[in-house]
Every structure is written in C-alpha cells, then in structure tokens.
Amino acid sequence: MEVRVTPEVEAQLTQLAADTGRSQDAIANDVLATHLAEMIEVRHLLNSRYADITNGRVAGLDGPTVLRQLLAENATQRAKAG
C-alpha cells in the first residue's frame, strides 16, 4: 500500500522518526491504527445513537432547548468554580 502525504506531514514524520529512532513506516502505521480505531469507535457510537432516535428510545431536542440547557449547565459549573 502506498500513502501520499503533504510535504508538511512528510517533514513532521521524518523529524519524529529521527527524534525517536523509529522508522517512518512504524510511526505511520501506529498513527493510522490509532486514528482508525478512534474513527471506528465514533462510527459505532453514532450508529447506536441514530438507532436510539429512530427506534424511539430517546427523543431529539430542538436547538433552542439544547442552547438553554447548555447555558444553564455552564452557569452552574461557573458558580461551582468560584
């Protein structure tokens, strides 16, 4: 497999390889594996949440309601902080 990266990413990869003594291939493989695992986890979460909504297990909230709840929670957290 061949992966093309921007010159900036290649420079960062080259520097990290030099700094750590690891090969660029090993670093790239670790980065891709970690990122892919995170993307797969997020995808499963989104699919699960979507299924919950479409099956009626949870109800959606409209924008103004969400904003009010977020602002109220923010105010509560600020009050606790000092």
C-alpha atoms as a PDB file:
ATOM      1  CA  MET A   1       0.000   0.000   0.000  1.00  0.00           C
ATOM      2  CA  GLU A   2       1.205   3.481  -0.780  1.00  0.00           C
ATOM      3  CA  VAL A   3       0.036   6.560   1.070  1.00  0.00           C
ATOM      4  CA  ARG A   4       0.640  10.069  -0.199  1.00  0.00           C
ATOM      5  CA  VAL A   5       1.035  12.866   2.309  1.00  0.00           C
ATOM      6  CA  THR A   6       1.637  16.573   2.067  1.00  0.00           C
ATOM      7  CA  PRO A   7       5.208  17.841   2.292  1.00  0.00           C
ATOM      8  CA  GLU A   8       4.406  19.240   5.749  1.00  0.00           C
ATOM      9  CA  VAL A   9       3.226  15.876   7.051  1.00  0.00           C
ATOM     10  CA  GLU A  10       6.223  14.168   5.497  1.00  0.00           C
ATOM     11  CA  ALA A  11       8.558  16.633   7.227  1.00  0.00           C
ATOM     12  CA  GLN A  12       6.872  16.004  10.574  1.00  0.00           C
ATOM     13  CA  LEU A  13       7.083  12.256  10.055  1.00  0.00           C
ATOM     14  CA  THR A  14      10.743  12.496   9.097  1.00  0.00           C
ATOM     15  CA  GLN A  15      11.516  14.628  12.170  1.00  0.00           C
ATOM     16  CA  LEU A  16       9.636  12.322  14.522  1.00  0.00           C
ATOM     17  CA  ALA A  17      11.414   9.297  13.068  1.00  0.00           C
ATOM     18  CA  ALA A  18      14.773  11.000  13.570  1.00  0.00           C
ATOM     19  CA  ASP A  19      13.883  12.075  17.125  1.00  0.00           C
ATOM     20  CA  THR A  20      12.614   8.646  18.203  1.00  0.00           C
ATOM     21  CA  GLY A  21      14.844   6.323  16.211  1.00  0.00           C
ATOM     22  CA  ARG A  22      11.776   4.565  14.808  1.00  0.00           C
ATOM     23  CA  SER A  23      11.099   4.051  11.141  1.00  0.00           C
ATOM     24  CA  GLN A  24       8.669   6.302   9.297  1.00  0.00           C
ATOM     25  CA  ASP A  25       6.672   3.206   8.353  1.00  0.00           C
ATOM     26  CA  ALA A  26       6.298   2.152  12.001  1.00  0.00           C
ATOM     27  CA  ILE A  27       5.213   5.621  13.079  1.00  0.00           C
ATOM     28  CA  ALA A  28       2.771   5.979  10.186  1.00  0.00           C
ATOM     29  CA  ASN A  29       1.309   2.548  10.940  1.00  0.00           C
ATOM     30  CA  ASP A  30       0.814   3.432  14.635  1.00  0.00           C
ATOM     31  CA  VAL A  31      -0.793   6.768  13.776  1.00  0.00           C
ATOM     32  CA  LEU A  32      -3.133   5.207  11.223  1.00  0.00           C
ATOM     33  CA  ALA A  33      -4.071   2.323  13.526  1.00  0.00           C
ATOM     34  CA  THR A  34      -4.870   4.681  16.399  1.00  0.00           C
ATOM     35  CA  HIS A  35      -6.838   7.096  14.241  1.00  0.00           C
ATOM     36  CA  LEU A  36      -8.769   4.307  12.542  1.00  0.00           C
ATOM     37  CA  ALA A  37      -9.666   2.756  15.900  1.00  0.00           C
ATOM     38  CA  GLU A  38     -10.997   6.116  17.089  1.00  0.00           C
ATOM     39  CA  MET A  39     -12.959   6.627  13.868  1.00  0.00           C
ATOM     40  CA  ILE A  40     -14.482   3.146  14.140  1.00  0.00           C
ATOM     41  CA  GLU A  41     -15.470   3.801  17.759  1.00  0.00           C
ATOM     42  CA  VAL A  42     -17.113   7.117  16.830  1.00  0.00           C
ATOM     43  CA  ARG A  43     -18.902   5.494  13.904  1.00  0.00           C
ATOM     44  CA  HIS A  44     -20.327   2.785  16.193  1.00  0.00           C
ATOM     45  CA  LEU A  45     -21.432   5.430  18.700  1.00  0.00           C
ATOM     46  CA  LEU A  46     -23.141   7.490  16.007  1.00  0.00           C
ATOM     47  CA  ASN A  47     -24.877   4.424  14.572  1.00  0.00           C
ATOM     48  CA  SER A  48     -26.057   3.447  18.044  1.00  0.00           C
ATOM     49  CA  ARG A  49     -27.354   6.938  18.820  1.00  0.00           C
ATOM     50  CA  TYR A  50     -29.104   7.153  15.460  1.00  0.00           C
ATOM     51  CA  ALA A  51     -30.749   3.789  16.074  1.00  0.00           C
ATOM     52  CA  ASP A  52     -31.884   5.004  19.520  1.00  0.00           C
ATOM     53  CA  ILE A  53     -33.527   8.048  17.935  1.00  0.00           C
ATOM     54  CA  THR A  54     -35.149   6.234  15.018  1.00  0.00           C
ATOM     55  CA  ASN A  55     -36.449   3.456  17.302  1.00  0.00           C
ATOM     56  CA  GLY A  56     -37.959   5.986  19.712  1.00  0.00           C
ATOM     57  CA  ARG A  57     -35.740   5.023  22.674  1.00  0.00           C
ATOM     58  CA  VAL A  58     -34.636   8.645  23.008  1.00  0.00           C
ATOM     59  CA  ALA A  59     -36.196  11.890  21.865  1.00  0.00           C
ATOM     60  CA  GLY A  60     -34.394  14.579  19.957  1.00  0.00           C
ATOM     61  CA  LEU A  61     -34.159  18.130  21.245  1.00  0.00           C
ATOM     62  CA  ASP A  62     -34.667  21.302  19.262  1.00  0.00           C
ATOM     63  CA  GLY A  63     -31.869  23.859  19.023  1.00  0.00           C
ATOM     64  CA  PRO A  64     -33.275  26.443  21.463  1.00  0.00           C
ATOM     65  CA  THR A  65     -33.829  23.757  24.112  1.00  0.00           C
ATOM     66  CA  VAL A  66     -30.270  22.489  23.727  1.00  0.00           C
ATOM     67  CA  LEU A  67     -28.890  26.021  23.953  1.00  0.00           C
ATOM     68  CA  ARG A  68     -30.879  26.740  27.137  1.00  0.00           C
ATOM     69  CA  GLN A  69     -29.658  23.514  28.727  1.00  0.00           C
ATOM     70  CA  LEU A  70     -26.038  24.192  27.778  1.00  0.00           C
ATOM     71  CA  LEU A  71     -26.171  27.750  29.092  1.00  0.00           C
ATOM     72  CA  ALA A  72     -27.754  26.585  32.340  1.00  0.00           C
ATOM     73  CA  GLU A  73     -25.120  23.880  32.793  1.00  0.00           C
ATOM     74  CA  ASN A  74     -22.373  26.385  32.024  1.00  0.00           C
ATOM     75  CA  ALA A  75     -23.741  28.807  34.615  1.00  0.00           C
ATOM     76  CA  THR A  76     -23.932  26.002  37.204  1.00  0.00           C
ATOM     77  CA  GLN A  77     -20.324  24.987  36.532  1.00  0.00           C
ATOM     78  CA  ARG A  78     -19.114  28.596  36.761  1.00  0.00           C
ATOM     79  CA  ALA A  79     -20.961  29.077  40.055  1.00  0.00           C
ATOM     80  CA  LYS A  80     -19.306  25.952  41.482  1.00  0.00           C
ATOM     81  CA  ALA A  81     -15.865  27.096  40.283  1.00  0.00           C
ATOM     82  CA  GLY A  82     -15.978  30.292  42.162  1.00  0.00           C
END
